[in-house]
N, C-alpha and C. Protein backbone atom coordinates (compact mmCIF):
# COMPACT_ATOMS: atom_id res chain seq x y z
N MET A 1 92.37 107.84 70.24
CA MET A 1 92.28 106.46 70.63
C MET A 1 91.09 106.22 71.55
N ALA A 2 90.84 107.14 72.47
CA ALA A 2 89.71 106.98 73.38
C ALA A 2 88.41 106.97 72.59
N LEU A 3 88.30 107.78 71.56
CA LEU A 3 87.10 107.81 70.74
C LEU A 3 86.87 106.46 70.07
N ALA A 4 87.93 105.84 69.60
CA ALA A 4 87.80 104.52 68.97
C ALA A 4 87.36 103.48 69.99
N MET A 5 87.86 103.57 71.22
CA MET A 5 87.47 102.63 72.26
C MET A 5 85.99 102.77 72.59
N VAL A 6 85.50 104.00 72.69
CA VAL A 6 84.09 104.24 72.99
C VAL A 6 83.22 103.77 71.83
N ALA A 7 83.70 103.97 70.60
CA ALA A 7 82.93 103.53 69.44
C ALA A 7 82.75 102.02 69.44
N GLU A 8 83.75 101.27 69.90
CA GLU A 8 83.65 99.81 69.94
C GLU A 8 82.79 99.34 71.10
N ASP A 9 82.87 99.98 72.25
CA ASP A 9 82.14 99.56 73.44
C ASP A 9 81.77 100.79 74.25
N ARG A 10 80.53 101.17 74.23
CA ARG A 10 80.09 102.39 74.90
C ARG A 10 80.31 102.35 76.41
N GLN A 11 80.38 101.17 77.01
CA GLN A 11 80.61 101.07 78.45
C GLN A 11 81.98 101.60 78.84
N ILE A 12 82.92 101.58 77.92
CA ILE A 12 84.26 102.08 78.23
C ILE A 12 84.22 103.58 78.53
N ASN A 13 83.22 104.27 78.04
CA ASN A 13 83.07 105.70 78.31
C ASN A 13 82.94 105.96 79.81
N ASP A 14 82.24 105.06 80.54
CA ASP A 14 82.12 105.22 81.99
C ASP A 14 83.48 105.17 82.66
N VAL A 15 84.34 104.28 82.22
CA VAL A 15 85.68 104.15 82.80
C VAL A 15 86.49 105.41 82.51
N LEU A 16 86.42 105.90 81.29
CA LEU A 16 87.21 107.07 80.91
C LEU A 16 86.73 108.33 81.61
N GLU A 17 85.45 108.43 81.90
CA GLU A 17 84.92 109.63 82.54
C GLU A 17 85.19 109.69 84.04
N GLU A 18 85.56 108.58 84.66
CA GLU A 18 85.75 108.55 86.11
C GLU A 18 87.12 109.07 86.54
N GLY A 19 87.85 109.72 85.68
CA GLY A 19 89.13 110.29 86.05
C GLY A 19 90.30 109.34 85.87
N ASN A 20 90.07 108.17 85.32
CA ASN A 20 91.16 107.25 85.05
C ASN A 20 91.95 107.73 83.85
N GLU A 21 93.21 107.38 83.82
CA GLU A 21 94.07 107.80 82.73
C GLU A 21 94.71 106.60 82.06
N MET A 22 95.01 106.77 80.79
CA MET A 22 95.78 105.77 80.07
C MET A 22 97.01 106.46 79.52
N GLN A 23 98.18 105.90 79.83
CA GLN A 23 99.43 106.51 79.38
C GLN A 23 100.29 105.45 78.71
N ILE A 24 101.08 105.90 77.77
CA ILE A 24 102.08 105.05 77.14
C ILE A 24 103.38 105.26 77.88
N ARG A 25 103.93 104.21 78.42
CA ARG A 25 105.20 104.31 79.16
C ARG A 25 106.27 103.51 78.42
N GLY A 26 107.48 103.98 78.53
CA GLY A 26 108.61 103.24 77.96
C GLY A 26 108.85 101.96 78.74
N ALA A 27 109.37 100.96 78.07
CA ALA A 27 109.60 99.65 78.69
C ALA A 27 110.59 99.72 79.85
N LYS A 28 111.48 100.69 79.84
CA LYS A 28 112.50 100.78 80.88
C LYS A 28 111.90 100.94 82.27
N VAL A 29 110.66 101.39 82.35
CA VAL A 29 109.99 101.54 83.64
C VAL A 29 109.83 100.18 84.32
N TYR A 30 109.63 99.13 83.53
CA TYR A 30 109.34 97.81 84.07
C TYR A 30 110.44 96.78 83.86
N LEU A 31 111.39 97.06 82.97
CA LEU A 31 112.35 96.04 82.55
C LEU A 31 113.77 96.36 82.95
N CYS A 32 114.57 95.32 83.01
CA CYS A 32 116.02 95.46 83.21
C CYS A 32 116.70 94.91 81.97
N GLU A 33 117.59 95.69 81.40
CA GLU A 33 118.26 95.29 80.17
C GLU A 33 119.04 93.99 80.37
N GLY A 34 118.95 93.11 79.38
CA GLY A 34 119.69 91.86 79.41
C GLY A 34 118.99 90.73 80.16
N LYS A 35 117.80 90.95 80.68
CA LYS A 35 117.05 89.91 81.38
C LYS A 35 115.97 89.34 80.49
N GLU A 36 115.69 88.06 80.68
CA GLU A 36 114.55 87.44 80.00
C GLU A 36 113.35 87.52 80.93
N LEU A 37 112.28 88.12 80.45
CA LEU A 37 111.05 88.24 81.23
C LEU A 37 109.85 87.84 80.39
N SER A 38 108.86 87.28 81.04
CA SER A 38 107.61 86.99 80.35
C SER A 38 106.68 88.20 80.51
N PHE A 39 105.65 88.25 79.70
CA PHE A 39 104.67 89.33 79.82
C PHE A 39 104.02 89.28 81.20
N TYR A 40 103.80 88.08 81.71
CA TYR A 40 103.21 87.92 83.03
C TYR A 40 104.11 88.57 84.11
N GLU A 41 105.43 88.39 84.00
CA GLU A 41 106.35 88.99 84.96
C GLU A 41 106.33 90.52 84.86
N VAL A 42 106.17 91.04 83.66
CA VAL A 42 106.04 92.48 83.47
C VAL A 42 104.75 92.98 84.13
N LEU A 43 103.67 92.20 83.99
CA LEU A 43 102.41 92.56 84.65
C LEU A 43 102.58 92.68 86.16
N LEU A 44 103.31 91.73 86.74
CA LEU A 44 103.54 91.76 88.18
C LEU A 44 104.34 92.99 88.60
N ARG A 45 105.33 93.35 87.80
CA ARG A 45 106.12 94.56 88.11
C ARG A 45 105.25 95.81 88.03
N ALA A 46 104.38 95.87 87.05
CA ALA A 46 103.49 97.02 86.92
C ALA A 46 102.53 97.08 88.11
N ARG A 47 102.07 95.93 88.53
CA ARG A 47 101.13 95.89 89.66
C ARG A 47 101.76 96.46 90.93
N GLN A 48 103.07 96.22 91.11
CA GLN A 48 103.76 96.78 92.27
C GLN A 48 103.75 98.30 92.24
N ARG A 49 103.63 98.88 91.05
CA ARG A 49 103.56 100.34 90.89
C ARG A 49 102.11 100.83 90.85
N ARG A 50 101.16 99.91 91.08
CA ARG A 50 99.72 100.20 91.02
C ARG A 50 99.32 100.65 89.61
N GLU A 51 99.90 99.96 88.63
CA GLU A 51 99.62 100.24 87.23
C GLU A 51 99.19 98.94 86.53
N ILE A 52 98.69 99.08 85.33
CA ILE A 52 98.25 97.94 84.53
C ILE A 52 98.94 98.00 83.18
N VAL A 53 99.46 96.88 82.74
CA VAL A 53 100.06 96.77 81.40
C VAL A 53 99.06 96.02 80.53
N ILE A 54 98.73 96.59 79.38
CA ILE A 54 97.77 95.93 78.50
C ILE A 54 98.41 95.36 77.24
N GLY A 55 99.67 95.68 77.00
CA GLY A 55 100.33 95.17 75.81
C GLY A 55 101.71 95.76 75.66
N TYR A 56 102.29 95.56 74.49
CA TYR A 56 103.62 96.07 74.21
C TYR A 56 103.79 96.31 72.72
N ARG A 57 104.81 97.06 72.39
CA ARG A 57 105.17 97.28 70.99
C ARG A 57 106.66 97.01 70.85
N LEU A 58 107.01 96.11 69.95
CA LEU A 58 108.41 95.80 69.71
C LEU A 58 109.08 96.95 68.99
N ALA A 59 110.38 97.10 69.21
CA ALA A 59 111.14 98.17 68.56
C ALA A 59 111.04 98.04 67.05
N ASN A 60 111.00 99.17 66.40
CA ASN A 60 110.94 99.25 64.93
C ASN A 60 109.68 98.63 64.33
N THR A 61 108.60 98.60 65.09
CA THR A 61 107.32 98.15 64.55
C THR A 61 106.27 99.21 64.81
N GLU A 62 105.26 99.24 63.99
CA GLU A 62 104.18 100.22 64.14
C GLU A 62 103.04 99.69 65.02
N LYS A 63 102.80 98.39 64.96
CA LYS A 63 101.62 97.81 65.60
C LYS A 63 101.94 97.29 67.00
N ALA A 64 101.09 97.62 67.95
CA ALA A 64 101.23 97.13 69.32
C ALA A 64 100.56 95.76 69.45
N VAL A 65 101.05 94.97 70.39
CA VAL A 65 100.45 93.68 70.72
C VAL A 65 99.65 93.90 72.00
N ILE A 66 98.34 93.81 71.91
CA ILE A 66 97.46 94.01 73.06
C ILE A 66 97.01 92.64 73.56
N ASN A 67 97.11 92.43 74.87
CA ASN A 67 96.73 91.17 75.51
C ASN A 67 97.36 89.98 74.80
N PRO A 68 98.69 89.88 74.82
CA PRO A 68 99.37 88.80 74.10
C PRO A 68 98.95 87.43 74.60
N PRO A 69 98.77 86.46 73.69
CA PRO A 69 98.31 85.14 74.10
C PRO A 69 99.37 84.34 74.85
N ALA A 70 100.65 84.52 74.54
CA ALA A 70 101.74 83.75 75.15
C ALA A 70 102.33 84.53 76.33
N LYS A 71 101.57 84.66 77.40
CA LYS A 71 101.98 85.49 78.53
C LYS A 71 103.15 84.91 79.32
N THR A 72 103.36 83.60 79.26
CA THR A 72 104.44 82.98 80.02
C THR A 72 105.73 82.82 79.22
N GLU A 73 105.69 83.12 77.94
CA GLU A 73 106.87 83.01 77.07
C GLU A 73 107.86 84.12 77.39
N LYS A 74 109.08 83.71 77.77
CA LYS A 74 110.09 84.71 78.12
C LYS A 74 110.76 85.25 76.87
N LYS A 75 111.07 86.56 76.92
CA LYS A 75 111.74 87.24 75.81
C LYS A 75 112.91 88.01 76.36
N MET A 76 113.97 88.09 75.58
CA MET A 76 115.16 88.86 75.98
C MET A 76 114.86 90.35 75.80
N VAL A 77 115.18 91.10 76.81
CA VAL A 77 114.96 92.54 76.78
C VAL A 77 116.30 93.21 76.54
N SER A 78 116.31 94.11 75.56
CA SER A 78 117.56 94.83 75.30
C SER A 78 117.30 96.30 75.09
């Protein structure tokens, strides 16, 4: 994945070389089951952990949603 990012924008290589990491985390790190949260609210929770959320992947889907346009739309988390 990092190779694809560098291929699209060579400047991203500087970010990757500075010791920064990108990890895939499970949603449970940021969410509480049974609550409706917007992507923006998830961003705020990640920020409290000094992390950044760039997108999400719904259960039983292959494709991730990166930088979703409807950041204030609340969704039920289960």
